[in-house]
Amino acid sequence: LAPDVIVNAAAYTAVDKAESEPDLAFA
């Protein structure tokens, strides 16, 4: 893709669900 800049905007954002999915949130 020959980027000039990379923006990491993707994330695990299910704040409450993260409490039961810590491995996925940290991954």
mmCIF file of all heavy atoms, coordinates in Angstrom:
data_MODEL
# 
_entry.id   MODEL 
# 
loop_
_atom_site.group_PDB 
_atom_site.id 
_atom_site.type_symbol 
_atom_site.label_atom_id 
_atom_site.label_alt_id 
_atom_site.label_comp_id 
_atom_site.label_asym_id 
_atom_site.label_entity_id 
_atom_site.label_seq_id 
_atom_site.pdbx_PDB_ins_code 
_atom_site.Cartn_x 
_atom_site.Cartn_y 
_atom_site.Cartn_z 
_atom_site.occupancy 
_atom_site.B_iso_or_equiv 
_atom_site.pdbx_formal_charge 
_atom_site.auth_seq_id 
_atom_site.auth_comp_id 
_atom_site.auth_asym_id 
_atom_site.auth_atom_id 
_atom_site.pdbx_PDB_model_num 
ATOM 1   N N   . LEU A 1 1  ? 0.808   -1.212  0.000  1.00 0.00 ? 1  LEU A N   1 
ATOM 2   C CA  . LEU A 1 1  ? 0.000   0.000   0.000  1.00 0.00 ? 1  LEU A CA  1 
ATOM 3   C C   . LEU A 1 1  ? 0.847   1.270   0.000  1.00 0.00 ? 1  LEU A C   1 
ATOM 4   O O   . LEU A 1 1  ? 0.326   2.373   -0.184 1.00 0.00 ? 1  LEU A O   1 
ATOM 5   C CB  . LEU A 1 1  ? -0.935  0.012   1.215  1.00 0.00 ? 1  LEU A CB  1 
ATOM 6   C CG  . LEU A 1 1  ? -1.874  -1.199  1.311  1.00 0.00 ? 1  LEU A CG  1 
ATOM 7   C CD1 . LEU A 1 1  ? -2.688  -1.139  2.601  1.00 0.00 ? 1  LEU A CD1 1 
ATOM 8   C CD2 . LEU A 1 1  ? -2.794  -1.260  0.103  1.00 0.00 ? 1  LEU A CD2 1 
ATOM 9   N N   . ALA A 1 2  ? 2.154   1.108   0.215  1.00 0.00 ? 2  ALA A N   1 
ATOM 10  C CA  . ALA A 1 2  ? 3.113   2.221   0.175  1.00 0.00 ? 2  ALA A CA  1 
ATOM 11  C C   . ALA A 1 2  ? 2.646   3.424   0.990  1.00 0.00 ? 2  ALA A C   1 
ATOM 12  O O   . ALA A 1 2  ? 2.551   4.548   0.479  1.00 0.00 ? 2  ALA A O   1 
ATOM 13  C CB  . ALA A 1 2  ? 3.383   2.642   -1.270 1.00 0.00 ? 2  ALA A CB  1 
ATOM 14  N N   . PRO A 1 3  ? 2.367   3.223   2.277  1.00 0.00 ? 3  PRO A N   1 
ATOM 15  C CA  . PRO A 1 3  ? 1.849   4.350   3.081  1.00 0.00 ? 3  PRO A CA  1 
ATOM 16  C C   . PRO A 1 3  ? 2.922   5.384   3.382  1.00 0.00 ? 3  PRO A C   1 
ATOM 17  O O   . PRO A 1 3  ? 4.107   5.062   3.519  1.00 0.00 ? 3  PRO A O   1 
ATOM 18  C CB  . PRO A 1 3  ? 1.394   3.660   4.369  1.00 0.00 ? 3  PRO A CB  1 
ATOM 19  C CG  . PRO A 1 3  ? 2.277   2.465   4.490  1.00 0.00 ? 3  PRO A CG  1 
ATOM 20  C CD  . PRO A 1 3  ? 2.505   1.993   3.085  1.00 0.00 ? 3  PRO A CD  1 
ATOM 21  N N   . ASP A 1 4  ? 2.490   6.629   3.511  1.00 0.00 ? 4  ASP A N   1 
ATOM 22  C CA  . ASP A 1 4  ? 3.351   7.678   4.049  1.00 0.00 ? 4  ASP A CA  1 
ATOM 23  C C   . ASP A 1 4  ? 3.169   7.784   5.561  1.00 0.00 ? 4  ASP A C   1 
ATOM 24  O O   . ASP A 1 4  ? 4.083   8.192   6.271  1.00 0.00 ? 4  ASP A O   1 
ATOM 25  C CB  . ASP A 1 4  ? 3.018   9.027   3.409  1.00 0.00 ? 4  ASP A CB  1 
ATOM 26  C CG  . ASP A 1 4  ? 3.338   9.045   1.927  1.00 0.00 ? 4  ASP A CG  1 
ATOM 27  O OD1 . ASP A 1 4  ? 4.481   8.758   1.565  1.00 0.00 ? 4  ASP A OD1 1 
ATOM 28  O OD2 . ASP A 1 4  ? 2.417   9.327   1.137  1.00 0.00 ? 4  ASP A OD2 1 
ATOM 29  N N   . VAL A 1 5  ? 1.979   7.431   6.017  1.00 0.00 ? 5  VAL A N   1 
ATOM 30  C CA  . VAL A 1 5  ? 1.630   7.437   7.440  1.00 0.00 ? 5  VAL A CA  1 
ATOM 31  C C   . VAL A 1 5  ? 0.648   6.289   7.676  1.00 0.00 ? 5  VAL A C   1 
ATOM 32  O O   . VAL A 1 5  ? -0.196  6.005   6.823  1.00 0.00 ? 5  VAL A O   1 
ATOM 33  C CB  . VAL A 1 5  ? 0.971   8.770   7.870  1.00 0.00 ? 5  VAL A CB  1 
ATOM 34  C CG1 . VAL A 1 5  ? 0.592   8.739   9.350  1.00 0.00 ? 5  VAL A CG1 1 
ATOM 35  C CG2 . VAL A 1 5  ? 1.889   9.955   7.596  1.00 0.00 ? 5  VAL A CG2 1 
ATOM 36  N N   . ILE A 1 6  ? 0.763   5.642   8.832  1.00 0.00 ? 6  ILE A N   1 
ATOM 37  C CA  . ILE A 1 6  ? -0.212  4.634   9.233  1.00 0.00 ? 6  ILE A CA  1 
ATOM 38  C C   . ILE A 1 6  ? -0.951  5.147   10.466 1.00 0.00 ? 6  ILE A C   1 
ATOM 39  O O   . ILE A 1 6  ? -0.328  5.631   11.414 1.00 0.00 ? 6  ILE A O   1 
ATOM 40  C CB  . ILE A 1 6  ? 0.461   3.278   9.540  1.00 0.00 ? 6  ILE A CB  1 
ATOM 41  C CG1 . ILE A 1 6  ? 1.108   2.712   8.264  1.00 0.00 ? 6  ILE A CG1 1 
ATOM 42  C CG2 . ILE A 1 6  ? -0.552  2.291   10.106 1.00 0.00 ? 6  ILE A CG2 1 
ATOM 43  C CD1 . ILE A 1 6  ? 1.905   1.431   8.497  1.00 0.00 ? 6  ILE A CD1 1 
ATOM 44  N N   . VAL A 1 7  ? -2.267  5.059   10.428 1.00 0.00 ? 7  VAL A N   1 
ATOM 45  C CA  . VAL A 1 7  ? -3.109  5.462   11.557 1.00 0.00 ? 7  VAL A CA  1 
ATOM 46  C C   . VAL A 1 7  ? -3.783  4.221   12.118 1.00 0.00 ? 7  VAL A C   1 
ATOM 47  O O   . VAL A 1 7  ? -4.512  3.531   11.390 1.00 0.00 ? 7  VAL A O   1 
ATOM 48  C CB  . VAL A 1 7  ? -4.182  6.488   11.128 1.00 0.00 ? 7  VAL A CB  1 
ATOM 49  C CG1 . VAL A 1 7  ? -5.055  6.868   12.322 1.00 0.00 ? 7  VAL A CG1 1 
ATOM 50  C CG2 . VAL A 1 7  ? -3.538  7.722   10.517 1.00 0.00 ? 7  VAL A CG2 1 
ATOM 51  N N   . ASN A 1 8  ? -3.539  3.920   13.386 1.00 0.00 ? 8  ASN A N   1 
ATOM 52  C CA  . ASN A 1 8  ? -4.208  2.776   14.010 1.00 0.00 ? 8  ASN A CA  1 
ATOM 53  C C   . ASN A 1 8  ? -5.471  3.272   14.714 1.00 0.00 ? 8  ASN A C   1 
ATOM 54  O O   . ASN A 1 8  ? -5.439  3.716   15.856 1.00 0.00 ? 8  ASN A O   1 
ATOM 55  C CB  . ASN A 1 8  ? -3.291  2.064   14.998 1.00 0.00 ? 8  ASN A CB  1 
ATOM 56  C CG  . ASN A 1 8  ? -3.934  0.792   15.530 1.00 0.00 ? 8  ASN A CG  1 
ATOM 57  O OD1 . ASN A 1 8  ? -4.655  0.115   14.805 1.00 0.00 ? 8  ASN A OD1 1 
ATOM 58  N ND2 . ASN A 1 8  ? -3.686  0.470   16.777 1.00 0.00 ? 8  ASN A ND2 1 
ATOM 59  N N   . ALA A 1 9  ? -6.582  3.185   13.984 1.00 0.00 ? 9  ALA A N   1 
ATOM 60  C CA  . ALA A 1 9  ? -7.866  3.623   14.521 1.00 0.00 ? 9  ALA A CA  1 
ATOM 61  C C   . ALA A 1 9  ? -8.718  2.449   14.981 1.00 0.00 ? 9  ALA A C   1 
ATOM 62  O O   . ALA A 1 9  ? -9.699  2.642   15.696 1.00 0.00 ? 9  ALA A O   1 
ATOM 63  C CB  . ALA A 1 9  ? -8.633  4.420   13.464 1.00 0.00 ? 9  ALA A CB  1 
ATOM 64  N N   . ALA A 1 10 ? -8.371  1.242   14.553 1.00 0.00 ? 10 ALA A N   1 
ATOM 65  C CA  . ALA A 1 10 ? -9.123  0.060   14.960 1.00 0.00 ? 10 ALA A CA  1 
ATOM 66  C C   . ALA A 1 10 ? -8.805  -0.278  16.411 1.00 0.00 ? 10 ALA A C   1 
ATOM 67  O O   . ALA A 1 10 ? -7.685  -0.075  16.874 1.00 0.00 ? 10 ALA A O   1 
ATOM 68  C CB  . ALA A 1 10 ? -8.792  -1.117  14.056 1.00 0.00 ? 10 ALA A CB  1 
ATOM 69  N N   . ALA A 1 11 ? -9.795  -0.807  17.108 1.00 0.00 ? 11 ALA A N   1 
ATOM 70  C CA  . ALA A 1 11 ? -9.585  -1.160  18.518 1.00 0.00 ? 11 ALA A CA  1 
ATOM 71  C C   . ALA A 1 11 ? -10.731 -2.029  18.998 1.00 0.00 ? 11 ALA A C   1 
ATOM 72  O O   . ALA A 1 11 ? -11.809 -2.076  18.387 1.00 0.00 ? 11 ALA A O   1 
ATOM 73  C CB  . ALA A 1 11 ? -9.490  0.095   19.389 1.00 0.00 ? 11 ALA A CB  1 
ATOM 74  N N   . TYR A 1 12 ? -10.497 -2.705  20.104 1.00 0.00 ? 12 TYR A N   1 
ATOM 75  C CA  . TYR A 1 12 ? -11.567 -3.378  20.829 1.00 0.00 ? 12 TYR A CA  1 
ATOM 76  C C   . TYR A 1 12 ? -12.172 -2.321  21.742 1.00 0.00 ? 12 TYR A C   1 
ATOM 77  O O   . TYR A 1 12 ? -11.494 -1.814  22.644 1.00 0.00 ? 12 TYR A O   1 
ATOM 78  C CB  . TYR A 1 12 ? -11.001 -4.537  21.651 1.00 0.00 ? 12 TYR A CB  1 
ATOM 79  C CG  . TYR A 1 12 ? -12.044 -5.327  22.422 1.00 0.00 ? 12 TYR A CG  1 
ATOM 80  C CD1 . TYR A 1 12 ? -12.416 -6.600  22.014 1.00 0.00 ? 12 TYR A CD1 1 
ATOM 81  C CD2 . TYR A 1 12 ? -12.652 -4.799  23.558 1.00 0.00 ? 12 TYR A CD2 1 
ATOM 82  C CE1 . TYR A 1 12 ? -13.371 -7.330  22.719 1.00 0.00 ? 12 TYR A CE1 1 
ATOM 83  C CE2 . TYR A 1 12 ? -13.610 -5.503  24.256 1.00 0.00 ? 12 TYR A CE2 1 
ATOM 84  C CZ  . TYR A 1 12 ? -13.970 -6.769  23.838 1.00 0.00 ? 12 TYR A CZ  1 
ATOM 85  O OH  . TYR A 1 12 ? -14.910 -7.471  24.540 1.00 0.00 ? 12 TYR A OH  1 
ATOM 86  N N   . THR A 1 13 ? -13.425 -1.958  21.493 1.00 0.00 ? 13 THR A N   1 
ATOM 87  C CA  . THR A 1 13 ? -14.024 -0.821  22.204 1.00 0.00 ? 13 THR A CA  1 
ATOM 88  C C   . THR A 1 13 ? -15.261 -1.190  23.024 1.00 0.00 ? 13 THR A C   1 
ATOM 89  O O   . THR A 1 13 ? -15.936 -0.296  23.537 1.00 0.00 ? 13 THR A O   1 
ATOM 90  C CB  . THR A 1 13 ? -14.411 0.289   21.214 1.00 0.00 ? 13 THR A CB  1 
ATOM 91  O OG1 . THR A 1 13 ? -15.325 -0.243  20.249 1.00 0.00 ? 13 THR A OG1 1 
ATOM 92  C CG2 . THR A 1 13 ? -13.180 0.837   20.507 1.00 0.00 ? 13 THR A CG2 1 
ATOM 93  N N   . ALA A 1 14 ? -15.554 -2.469  23.152 1.00 0.00 ? 14 ALA A N   1 
ATOM 94  C CA  . ALA A 1 14 ? -16.705 -2.891  23.951 1.00 0.00 ? 14 ALA A CA  1 
ATOM 95  C C   . ALA A 1 14 ? -16.312 -2.828  25.427 1.00 0.00 ? 14 ALA A C   1 
ATOM 96  O O   . ALA A 1 14 ? -15.865 -3.815  26.012 1.00 0.00 ? 14 ALA A O   1 
ATOM 97  C CB  . ALA A 1 14 ? -17.142 -4.290  23.558 1.00 0.00 ? 14 ALA A CB  1 
ATOM 98  N N   . VAL A 1 15 ? -16.469 -1.657  26.013 1.00 0.00 ? 15 VAL A N   1 
ATOM 99  C CA  . VAL A 1 15 ? -15.929 -1.369  27.344 1.00 0.00 ? 15 VAL A CA  1 
ATOM 100 C C   . VAL A 1 15 ? -16.406 -2.373  28.388 1.00 0.00 ? 15 VAL A C   1 
ATOM 101 O O   . VAL A 1 15 ? -15.608 -2.912  29.165 1.00 0.00 ? 15 VAL A O   1 
ATOM 102 C CB  . VAL A 1 15 ? -16.290 0.070   27.771 1.00 0.00 ? 15 VAL A CB  1 
ATOM 103 C CG1 . VAL A 1 15 ? -15.815 0.339   29.187 1.00 0.00 ? 15 VAL A CG1 1 
ATOM 104 C CG2 . VAL A 1 15 ? -15.677 1.081   26.802 1.00 0.00 ? 15 VAL A CG2 1 
ATOM 105 N N   . ASP A 1 16 ? -17.690 -2.622  28.437 1.00 0.00 ? 16 ASP A N   1 
ATOM 106 C CA  . ASP A 1 16 ? -18.222 -3.538  29.449 1.00 0.00 ? 16 ASP A CA  1 
ATOM 107 C C   . ASP A 1 16 ? -17.919 -4.999  29.109 1.00 0.00 ? 16 ASP A C   1 
ATOM 108 O O   . ASP A 1 16 ? -17.581 -5.798  29.987 1.00 0.00 ? 16 ASP A O   1 
ATOM 109 C CB  . ASP A 1 16 ? -19.724 -3.329  29.608 1.00 0.00 ? 16 ASP A CB  1 
ATOM 110 C CG  . ASP A 1 16 ? -20.052 -1.997  30.270 1.00 0.00 ? 16 ASP A CG  1 
ATOM 111 O OD1 . ASP A 1 16 ? -19.310 -1.593  31.190 1.00 0.00 ? 16 ASP A OD1 1 
ATOM 112 O OD2 . ASP A 1 16 ? -21.033 -1.356  29.857 1.00 0.00 ? 16 ASP A OD2 1 
ATOM 113 N N   . LYS A 1 17 ? -18.045 -5.361  27.845 1.00 0.00 ? 17 LYS A N   1 
ATOM 114 C CA  . LYS A 1 17 ? -17.788 -6.738  27.435 1.00 0.00 ? 17 LYS A CA  1 
ATOM 115 C C   . LYS A 1 17 ? -16.343 -7.139  27.671 1.00 0.00 ? 17 LYS A C   1 
ATOM 116 O O   . LYS A 1 17 ? -16.026 -8.311  27.890 1.00 0.00 ? 17 LYS A O   1 
ATOM 117 C CB  . LYS A 1 17 ? -18.164 -6.920  25.967 1.00 0.00 ? 17 LYS A CB  1 
ATOM 118 C CG  . LYS A 1 17 ? -18.279 -8.375  25.527 1.00 0.00 ? 17 LYS A CG  1 
ATOM 119 C CD  . LYS A 1 17 ? -18.786 -8.458  24.100 1.00 0.00 ? 17 LYS A CD  1 
ATOM 120 C CE  . LYS A 1 17 ? -18.937 -9.919  23.666 1.00 0.00 ? 17 LYS A CE  1 
ATOM 121 N NZ  . LYS A 1 17 ? -19.429 -10.022 22.273 1.00 0.00 ? 17 LYS A NZ  1 
ATOM 122 N N   . ALA A 1 18 ? -15.438 -6.155  27.641 1.00 0.00 ? 18 ALA A N   1 
ATOM 123 C CA  . ALA A 1 18 ? -14.015 -6.434  27.857 1.00 0.00 ? 18 ALA A CA  1 
ATOM 124 C C   . ALA A 1 18 ? -13.761 -7.080  29.209 1.00 0.00 ? 18 ALA A C   1 
ATOM 125 O O   . ALA A 1 18 ? -12.794 -7.835  29.380 1.00 0.00 ? 18 ALA A O   1 
ATOM 126 C CB  . ALA A 1 18 ? -13.192 -5.156  27.729 1.00 0.00 ? 18 ALA A CB  1 
ATOM 127 N N   . GLU A 1 19 ? -14.619 -6.787  30.176 1.00 0.00 ? 19 GLU A N   1 
ATOM 128 C CA  . GLU A 1 19 ? -14.441 -7.365  31.506 1.00 0.00 ? 19 GLU A CA  1 
ATOM 129 C C   . GLU A 1 19 ? -14.516 -8.890  31.473 1.00 0.00 ? 19 GLU A C   1 
ATOM 130 O O   . GLU A 1 19 ? -13.906 -9.565  32.305 1.00 0.00 ? 19 GLU A O   1 
ATOM 131 C CB  . GLU A 1 19 ? -15.488 -6.808  32.472 1.00 0.00 ? 19 GLU A CB  1 
ATOM 132 C CG  . GLU A 1 19 ? -15.377 -5.318  32.724 1.00 0.00 ? 19 GLU A CG  1 
ATOM 133 C CD  . GLU A 1 19 ? -14.031 -4.922  33.327 1.00 0.00 ? 19 GLU A CD  1 
ATOM 134 O OE1 . GLU A 1 19 ? -13.641 -5.518  34.346 1.00 0.00 ? 19 GLU A OE1 1 
ATOM 135 O OE2 . GLU A 1 19 ? -13.374 -4.029  32.759 1.00 0.00 ? 19 GLU A OE2 1 
ATOM 136 N N   . SER A 1 20 ? -15.234 -9.440  30.510 1.00 0.00 ? 20 SER A N   1 
ATOM 137 C CA  . SER A 1 20 ? -15.332 -10.895 30.375 1.00 0.00 ? 20 SER A CA  1 
ATOM 138 C C   . SER A 1 20 ? -14.514 -11.428 29.204 1.00 0.00 ? 20 SER A C   1 
ATOM 139 O O   . SER A 1 20 ? -14.480 -12.638 28.974 1.00 0.00 ? 20 SER A O   1 
ATOM 140 C CB  . SER A 1 20 ? -16.800 -11.318 30.207 1.00 0.00 ? 20 SER A CB  1 
ATOM 141 O OG  . SER A 1 20 ? -17.372 -10.718 29.057 1.00 0.00 ? 20 SER A OG  1 
ATOM 142 N N   . GLU A 1 21 ? -13.854 -10.526 28.460 1.00 0.00 ? 21 GLU A N   1 
ATOM 143 C CA  . GLU A 1 21 ? -13.012 -10.935 27.330 1.00 0.00 ? 21 GLU A CA  1 
ATOM 144 C C   . GLU A 1 21 ? -11.643 -10.259 27.400 1.00 0.00 ? 21 GLU A C   1 
ATOM 145 O O   . GLU A 1 21 ? -11.193 -9.626  26.440 1.00 0.00 ? 21 GLU A O   1 
ATOM 146 C CB  . GLU A 1 21 ? -13.685 -10.586 26.000 1.00 0.00 ? 21 GLU A CB  1 
ATOM 147 C CG  . GLU A 1 21 ? -14.947 -11.359 25.714 1.00 0.00 ? 21 GLU A CG  1 
ATOM 148 C CD  . GLU A 1 21 ? -15.527 -11.068 24.335 1.00 0.00 ? 21 GLU A CD  1 
ATOM 149 O OE1 . GLU A 1 21 ? -15.228 -9.977  23.788 1.00 0.00 ? 21 GLU A OE1 1 
ATOM 150 O OE2 . GLU A 1 21 ? -16.265 -11.908 23.823 1.00 0.00 ? 21 GLU A OE2 1 
ATOM 151 N N   . PRO A 1 22 ? -10.950 -10.385 28.526 1.00 0.00 ? 22 PRO A N   1 
ATOM 152 C CA  . PRO A 1 22 ? -9.681  -9.655  28.664 1.00 0.00 ? 22 PRO A CA  1 
ATOM 153 C C   . PRO A 1 22 ? -8.626  -10.082 27.652 1.00 0.00 ? 22 PRO A C   1 
ATOM 154 O O   . PRO A 1 22 ? -7.855  -9.244  27.170 1.00 0.00 ? 22 PRO A O   1 
ATOM 155 C CB  . PRO A 1 22 ? -9.250  -9.977  30.100 1.00 0.00 ? 22 PRO A CB  1 
ATOM 156 C CG  . PRO A 1 22 ? -9.956  -11.249 30.435 1.00 0.00 ? 22 PRO A CG  1 
ATOM 157 C CD  . PRO A 1 22 ? -11.267 -11.176 29.730 1.00 0.00 ? 22 PRO A CD  1 
ATOM 158 N N   . ASP A 1 23 ? -8.567  -11.363 27.328 1.00 0.00 ? 23 ASP A N   1 
ATOM 159 C CA  . ASP A 1 23 ? -7.544  -11.836 26.388 1.00 0.00 ? 23 ASP A CA  1 
ATOM 160 C C   . ASP A 1 23 ? -7.732  -11.190 25.019 1.00 0.00 ? 23 ASP A C   1 
ATOM 161 O O   . ASP A 1 23 ? -6.755  -10.760 24.387 1.00 0.00 ? 23 ASP A O   1 
ATOM 162 C CB  . ASP A 1 23 ? -7.590  -13.358 26.261 1.00 0.00 ? 23 ASP A CB  1 
ATOM 163 C CG  . ASP A 1 23 ? -7.132  -14.066 27.521 1.00 0.00 ? 23 ASP A CG  1 
ATOM 164 O OD1 . ASP A 1 23 ? -6.496  -13.409 28.377 1.00 0.00 ? 23 ASP A OD1 1 
ATOM 165 O OD2 . ASP A 1 23 ? -7.415  -15.270 27.667 1.00 0.00 ? 23 ASP A OD2 1 
ATOM 166 N N   . LEU A 1 24 ? -8.971  -11.119 24.568 1.00 0.00 ? 24 LEU A N   1 
ATOM 167 C CA  . LEU A 1 24 ? -9.239  -10.516 23.263 1.00 0.00 ? 24 LEU A CA  1 
ATOM 168 C C   . LEU A 1 24 ? -8.963  -9.015  23.297 1.00 0.00 ? 24 LEU A C   1 
ATOM 169 O O   . LEU A 1 24 ? -8.376  -8.458  22.361 1.00 0.00 ? 24 LEU A O   1 
ATOM 170 C CB  . LEU A 1 24 ? -10.682 -10.774 22.841 1.00 0.00 ? 24 LEU A CB  1 
ATOM 171 C CG  . LEU A 1 24 ? -11.107 -10.207 21.478 1.00 0.00 ? 24 LEU A CG  1 
ATOM 172 C CD1 . LEU A 1 24 ? -10.205 -10.726 20.368 1.00 0.00 ? 24 LEU A CD1 1 
ATOM 173 C CD2 . LEU A 1 24 ? -12.571 -10.539 21.193 1.00 0.00 ? 24 LEU A CD2 1 
ATOM 174 N N   . ALA A 1 25 ? -9.375  -8.342  24.364 1.00 0.00 ? 25 ALA A N   1 
ATOM 175 C CA  . ALA A 1 25 ? -9.146  -6.899  24.474 1.00 0.00 ? 25 ALA A CA  1 
ATOM 176 C C   . ALA A 1 25 ? -7.659  -6.579  24.414 1.00 0.00 ? 25 ALA A C   1 
ATOM 177 O O   . ALA A 1 25 ? -7.237  -5.658  23.705 1.00 0.00 ? 25 ALA A O   1 
ATOM 178 C CB  . ALA A 1 25 ? -9.759  -6.364  25.766 1.00 0.00 ? 25 ALA A CB  1 
ATOM 179 N N   . PHE A 1 26 ? -6.838  -7.339  25.142 1.00 0.00 ? 26 PHE A N   1 
ATOM 180 C CA  . PHE A 1 26 ? -5.399  -7.081  25.127 1.00 0.00 ? 26 PHE A CA  1 
ATOM 181 C C   . PHE A 1 26 ? -4.768  -7.511  23.811 1.00 0.00 ? 26 PHE A C   1 
ATOM 182 O O   . PHE A 1 26 ? -3.804  -6.887  23.344 1.00 0.00 ? 26 PHE A O   1 
ATOM 183 C CB  . PHE A 1 26 ? -4.725  -7.776  26.315 1.00 0.00 ? 26 PHE A CB  1 
ATOM 184 C CG  . PHE A 1 26 ? -4.732  -6.959  27.575 1.00 0.00 ? 26 PHE A CG  1 
ATOM 185 C CD1 . PHE A 1 26 ? -5.789  -7.048  28.470 1.00 0.00 ? 26 PHE A CD1 1 
ATOM 186 C CD2 . PHE A 1 26 ? -3.712  -6.069  27.855 1.00 0.00 ? 26 PHE A CD2 1 
ATOM 187 C CE1 . PHE A 1 26 ? -5.815  -6.281  29.632 1.00 0.00 ? 26 PHE A CE1 1 
ATOM 188 C CE2 . PHE A 1 26 ? -3.713  -5.295  29.009 1.00 0.00 ? 26 PHE A CE2 1 
ATOM 189 C CZ  . PHE A 1 26 ? -4.776  -5.402  29.902 1.00 0.00 ? 26 PHE A CZ  1 
ATOM 190 N N   . ALA A 1 27 ? -5.295  -8.573  23.203 1.00 0.00 ? 27 ALA A N   1 
ATOM 191 C CA  . ALA A 1 27 ? -4.747  -9.003  21.911 1.00 0.00 ? 27 ALA A CA  1 
ATOM 192 C C   . ALA A 1 27 ? -4.885  -7.906  20.866 1.00 0.00 ? 27 ALA A C   1 
ATOM 193 O O   . ALA A 1 27 ? -3.959  -7.642  20.083 1.00 0.00 ? 27 ALA A O   1 
ATOM 194 C CB  . ALA A 1 27 ? -5.458  -10.275 21.434 1.00 0.00 ? 27 ALA A CB  1 
# 
